[in-house]
Amino acid sequence: MGLRTGEQMAIIPSDIDWENNILNIRRSITLDENGKKTIGETKNKYSRRAIKLLPVMLDALKEQKEIYDKL
């Protein structure tokens, strides 16, 4: 899908439009000056985007959501 690692790690279920099969990329996880993980905006304004999900991608995200909901 062309996502940066930090963008992938920052995805949460509310980023997904389940009805329209769209993944909204709005944030990223990066390391601060002390090496601690921090959640912030994407690398630049063009990195904030909506990605149309293929059925196989949607299925994988649904499986991940089931795991996330158990936490």
N, C-alpha and C. Protein backbone atom coordinates (compact mmCIF):
# COMPACT_ATOMS: atom_id res chain seq x y z
N MET A 1 0.81 -1.20 0.00
CA MET A 1 0.00 0.00 0.00
C MET A 1 0.85 1.26 0.00
N GLY A 2 2.14 1.12 0.14
CA GLY A 2 3.00 2.30 0.14
C GLY A 2 3.02 3.05 1.44
N LEU A 3 2.78 2.36 2.56
CA LEU A 3 2.79 3.02 3.87
C LEU A 3 4.18 2.95 4.48
N ARG A 4 4.57 4.01 5.14
CA ARG A 4 5.80 3.99 5.93
C ARG A 4 5.56 3.13 7.17
N THR A 5 6.62 2.59 7.72
CA THR A 5 6.49 1.72 8.90
C THR A 5 5.77 2.43 10.03
N GLY A 6 6.12 3.68 10.32
CA GLY A 6 5.48 4.44 11.39
C GLY A 6 4.00 4.66 11.15
N GLU A 7 3.62 4.83 9.88
CA GLU A 7 2.21 4.99 9.54
C GLU A 7 1.45 3.70 9.79
N GLN A 8 2.06 2.58 9.43
CA GLN A 8 1.43 1.28 9.65
C GLN A 8 1.21 1.03 11.14
N MET A 9 2.22 1.35 11.93
CA MET A 9 2.14 1.10 13.37
C MET A 9 1.12 2.00 14.06
N ALA A 10 0.80 3.13 13.47
CA ALA A 10 -0.10 4.09 14.10
C ALA A 10 -1.57 3.89 13.72
N ILE A 11 -1.86 2.94 12.85
CA ILE A 11 -3.25 2.71 12.43
C ILE A 11 -4.07 2.19 13.61
N ILE A 12 -5.25 2.78 13.78
CA ILE A 12 -6.21 2.30 14.78
C ILE A 12 -7.54 2.05 14.06
N PRO A 13 -8.42 1.24 14.64
CA PRO A 13 -9.66 0.89 13.95
C PRO A 13 -10.48 2.08 13.46
N SER A 14 -10.46 3.19 14.17
CA SER A 14 -11.26 4.34 13.73
C SER A 14 -10.70 5.00 12.47
N ASP A 15 -9.50 4.60 12.05
CA ASP A 15 -8.92 5.11 10.80
C ASP A 15 -9.54 4.43 9.58
N ILE A 16 -10.31 3.39 9.82
CA ILE A 16 -10.86 2.60 8.73
C ILE A 16 -12.34 2.91 8.56
N ASP A 17 -12.71 3.25 7.34
CA ASP A 17 -14.11 3.43 6.97
C ASP A 17 -14.57 2.06 6.47
N TRP A 18 -15.17 1.28 7.36
CA TRP A 18 -15.53 -0.10 7.06
C TRP A 18 -16.59 -0.19 5.98
N GLU A 19 -17.48 0.78 5.90
CA GLU A 19 -18.56 0.74 4.91
C GLU A 19 -18.06 1.03 3.50
N ASN A 20 -17.08 1.93 3.38
CA ASN A 20 -16.59 2.33 2.06
C ASN A 20 -15.23 1.72 1.72
N ASN A 21 -14.71 0.87 2.62
CA ASN A 21 -13.44 0.17 2.42
C ASN A 21 -12.28 1.13 2.17
N ILE A 22 -12.17 2.13 3.04
CA ILE A 22 -11.12 3.14 2.90
C ILE A 22 -10.31 3.22 4.19
N LEU A 23 -8.99 3.25 4.03
CA LEU A 23 -8.07 3.43 5.14
C LEU A 23 -7.56 4.87 5.11
N ASN A 24 -7.78 5.60 6.18
CA ASN A 24 -7.33 6.99 6.28
C ASN A 24 -6.02 7.04 7.05
N ILE A 25 -4.98 7.57 6.42
CA ILE A 25 -3.68 7.71 7.06
C ILE A 25 -3.60 9.14 7.59
N ARG A 26 -3.52 9.28 8.92
CA ARG A 26 -3.55 10.58 9.56
C ARG A 26 -2.42 10.82 10.56
N ARG A 27 -1.73 9.75 10.98
CA ARG A 27 -0.70 9.89 12.01
C ARG A 27 0.42 8.89 11.77
N SER A 28 1.48 9.07 12.54
CA SER A 28 2.63 8.19 12.43
C SER A 28 3.31 8.05 13.79
N ILE A 29 3.95 6.94 14.00
CA ILE A 29 4.74 6.75 15.21
C ILE A 29 6.20 6.99 14.84
N THR A 30 6.86 7.84 15.60
CA THR A 30 8.28 8.14 15.38
C THR A 30 9.01 8.06 16.71
N LEU A 31 10.31 8.24 16.66
CA LEU A 31 11.11 8.29 17.88
C LEU A 31 11.47 9.74 18.17
N ASP A 32 11.37 10.13 19.45
CA ASP A 32 11.77 11.49 19.81
C ASP A 32 13.28 11.54 20.03
N GLU A 33 13.79 12.67 20.45
CA GLU A 33 15.24 12.84 20.61
C GLU A 33 15.84 11.92 21.66
N ASN A 34 15.00 11.36 22.55
CA ASN A 34 15.47 10.43 23.58
C ASN A 34 15.26 8.98 23.18
N GLY A 35 14.76 8.76 21.98
CA GLY A 35 14.53 7.39 21.50
C GLY A 35 13.21 6.80 21.95
N LYS A 36 12.32 7.62 22.52
CA LYS A 36 11.02 7.13 22.96
C LYS A 36 10.02 7.26 21.81
N LYS A 37 9.12 6.28 21.71
CA LYS A 37 8.10 6.32 20.67
C LYS A 37 7.09 7.43 20.96
N THR A 38 6.71 8.13 19.92
CA THR A 38 5.72 9.19 20.05
C THR A 38 4.79 9.17 18.84
N ILE A 39 3.53 9.45 19.06
CA ILE A 39 2.55 9.50 17.98
C ILE A 39 2.37 10.95 17.58
N GLY A 40 2.49 11.19 16.29
CA GLY A 40 2.33 12.55 15.79
C GLY A 40 1.77 12.54 14.38
N GLU A 41 1.87 13.67 13.73
CA GLU A 41 1.37 13.79 12.37
C GLU A 41 2.26 13.01 11.41
N THR A 42 1.76 12.83 10.20
CA THR A 42 2.55 12.16 9.17
C THR A 42 3.72 13.05 8.75
N LYS A 43 4.60 12.50 7.93
CA LYS A 43 5.82 13.19 7.54
C LYS A 43 5.55 14.57 6.94
N ASN A 44 4.53 14.68 6.11
CA ASN A 44 4.14 15.97 5.54
C ASN A 44 2.66 15.94 5.19
N LYS A 45 2.11 17.06 4.75
CA LYS A 45 0.67 17.12 4.50
C LYS A 45 0.23 16.19 3.37
N TYR A 46 1.12 15.89 2.44
CA TYR A 46 0.78 15.00 1.34
C TYR A 46 0.73 13.54 1.79
N SER A 47 1.30 13.26 2.94
CA SER A 47 1.28 11.90 3.48
C SER A 47 -0.08 11.56 4.10
N ARG A 48 -0.86 12.57 4.44
CA ARG A 48 -2.21 12.33 4.95
C ARG A 48 -3.09 12.02 3.74
N ARG A 49 -3.58 10.77 3.70
CA ARG A 49 -4.29 10.33 2.51
C ARG A 49 -5.30 9.25 2.84
N ALA A 50 -6.15 8.96 1.86
CA ALA A 50 -7.15 7.90 1.97
C ALA A 50 -6.79 6.84 0.93
N ILE A 51 -6.80 5.59 1.37
CA ILE A 51 -6.43 4.47 0.50
C ILE A 51 -7.62 3.53 0.36
N LYS A 52 -8.01 3.26 -0.87
CA LYS A 52 -9.09 2.30 -1.13
C LYS A 52 -8.55 0.90 -0.85
N LEU A 53 -9.25 0.15 -0.02
CA LEU A 53 -8.79 -1.17 0.39
C LEU A 53 -9.33 -2.26 -0.54
N LEU A 54 -8.45 -3.15 -0.94
CA LEU A 54 -8.86 -4.32 -1.68
C LEU A 54 -9.48 -5.32 -0.70
N PRO A 55 -10.33 -6.23 -1.17
CA PRO A 55 -10.97 -7.19 -0.26
C PRO A 55 -9.98 -7.95 0.62
N VAL A 56 -8.86 -8.38 0.08
CA VAL A 56 -7.88 -9.14 0.86
C VAL A 56 -7.28 -8.27 1.97
N MET A 57 -7.07 -6.99 1.68
CA MET A 57 -6.54 -6.07 2.69
C MET A 57 -7.58 -5.83 3.78
N LEU A 58 -8.82 -5.67 3.38
CA LEU A 58 -9.89 -5.44 4.33
C LEU A 58 -10.05 -6.64 5.27
N ASP A 59 -9.95 -7.84 4.71
CA ASP A 59 -10.04 -9.06 5.53
C ASP A 59 -8.92 -9.10 6.56
N ALA A 60 -7.70 -8.75 6.15
CA ALA A 60 -6.57 -8.76 7.07
C ALA A 60 -6.78 -7.74 8.19
N LEU A 61 -7.30 -6.57 7.85
CA LEU A 61 -7.55 -5.55 8.87
C LEU A 61 -8.67 -5.96 9.83
N LYS A 62 -9.66 -6.67 9.32
CA LYS A 62 -10.73 -7.16 10.20
C LYS A 62 -10.17 -8.16 11.21
N GLU A 63 -9.25 -9.01 10.75
CA GLU A 63 -8.62 -9.97 11.67
C GLU A 63 -7.81 -9.24 12.73
N GLN A 64 -7.09 -8.19 12.33
CA GLN A 64 -6.30 -7.41 13.28
C GLN A 64 -7.21 -6.68 14.27
N LYS A 65 -8.37 -6.22 13.79
CA LYS A 65 -9.30 -5.52 14.69
C LYS A 65 -9.82 -6.46 15.77
N GLU A 66 -10.05 -7.71 15.42
CA GLU A 66 -10.48 -8.69 16.42
C GLU A 66 -9.43 -8.83 17.52
N ILE A 67 -8.18 -8.86 17.14
CA ILE A 67 -7.08 -8.93 18.13
C ILE A 67 -7.04 -7.65 18.95
N TYR A 68 -7.13 -6.50 18.29
CA TYR A 68 -7.10 -5.19 18.97
C TYR A 68 -8.23 -5.08 19.98
N ASP A 69 -9.42 -5.55 19.61
CA ASP A 69 -10.57 -5.45 20.51
C ASP A 69 -10.43 -6.29 21.77
N LYS A 70 -9.58 -7.31 21.72
CA LYS A 70 -9.37 -8.19 22.89
C LYS A 70 -8.38 -7.58 23.89
N LEU A 71 -7.62 -6.55 23.46
CA LEU A 71 -6.61 -5.96 24.34
C LEU A 71 -7.22 -5.07 25.40
